[in-house]
Amino acid sequence: MVSPHHFAHWYPTAAYLYVLGLDTLALAWEYLRRHPDYRLDWLRRARRSDAGHRWGLRLLEDPALDARDAHPAWLPGHAAVVQLYPDADPPPDAAAFDFWRIPGHKQLLHDGKRLALIARSPGQCLRFALAPGLEDGMAVAYARRGGAAAPALGHAPSAVQTKPRPTPAALLELHTLQALDATLTGASLRDVAEGLFGADAVAADWHADGDLRARVRRLARRGNALMRGGYRHLAQLPSLEKGRFEGDAKRP
């Protein structure tokens, strides 16, 4: 007889492969959208303009959408977002804003305050905030919080930027999210281990004080911590004081 967890949404690792290509902002959304209280806020308070502020968002985003389709508008603005402005006094060799030369699959959206552009290509996700008045062909000036260099516009990512094999950090996030989904459905740690690492590995290495059990326990704890507020670090949001919103979270 096949165990019921074989049919659970969290069990096939292939369903999580998209996580391997996510940046930190997209990962922050993946953890936040799993928070039970956030999901309740979406159902109960979706019409309130400030309902997302407690979560670090300008507006609530549908938690049913994963990071491939969701476009959460984070507060106050992440260092990874490049801000583009019309250059009022451009030099002769000024770069021009050329929408169609920006590499990758492009998505334009308005987050309630500004027009945003997201361009995704293998191994890279570019995020831009477009200033009012910026038009295609205009000389463009760009800025980035923290003094980081902005990416060049109009150039495809080089082979060095692509990642044919997932990094250990990316695999950690994949396993963490899979373990989190499993524990949210009430799966046991042993079931989680089987889903992540296979029945043969569990049969050979599952012991009360074994490394495999400890590894799965760490993944489950890490996922819960990121969902319960750790996502704010990924989104470069200030940490909340403990218990600050607990009352609101429980209020219908």
Foldseek 3Di string as FASTA:
>chain_A
DDDPCCVPPLQALVVLVVLLQDALLLLLLLLQLPQPLLQVCCVPPQPDQCSCVVVQFRHRWHSVDHSVPIDTHGPPDFLQEKEKDFDPDDDPPFDFAAPVLADADWDWDDRPPFIKIWGDDALDIHIYTYDPPRDGGGRMDIDGPPPDDHDDGRDDDDPVSHDPDGDPVSVLSSLLSSLQVCVVVPHDLLSSLCSSPNPVCCVVFPDPPTPSSVVSVVSNVVSVVSSVFVSCVSRVHDGDDPPPCVVVSPDD
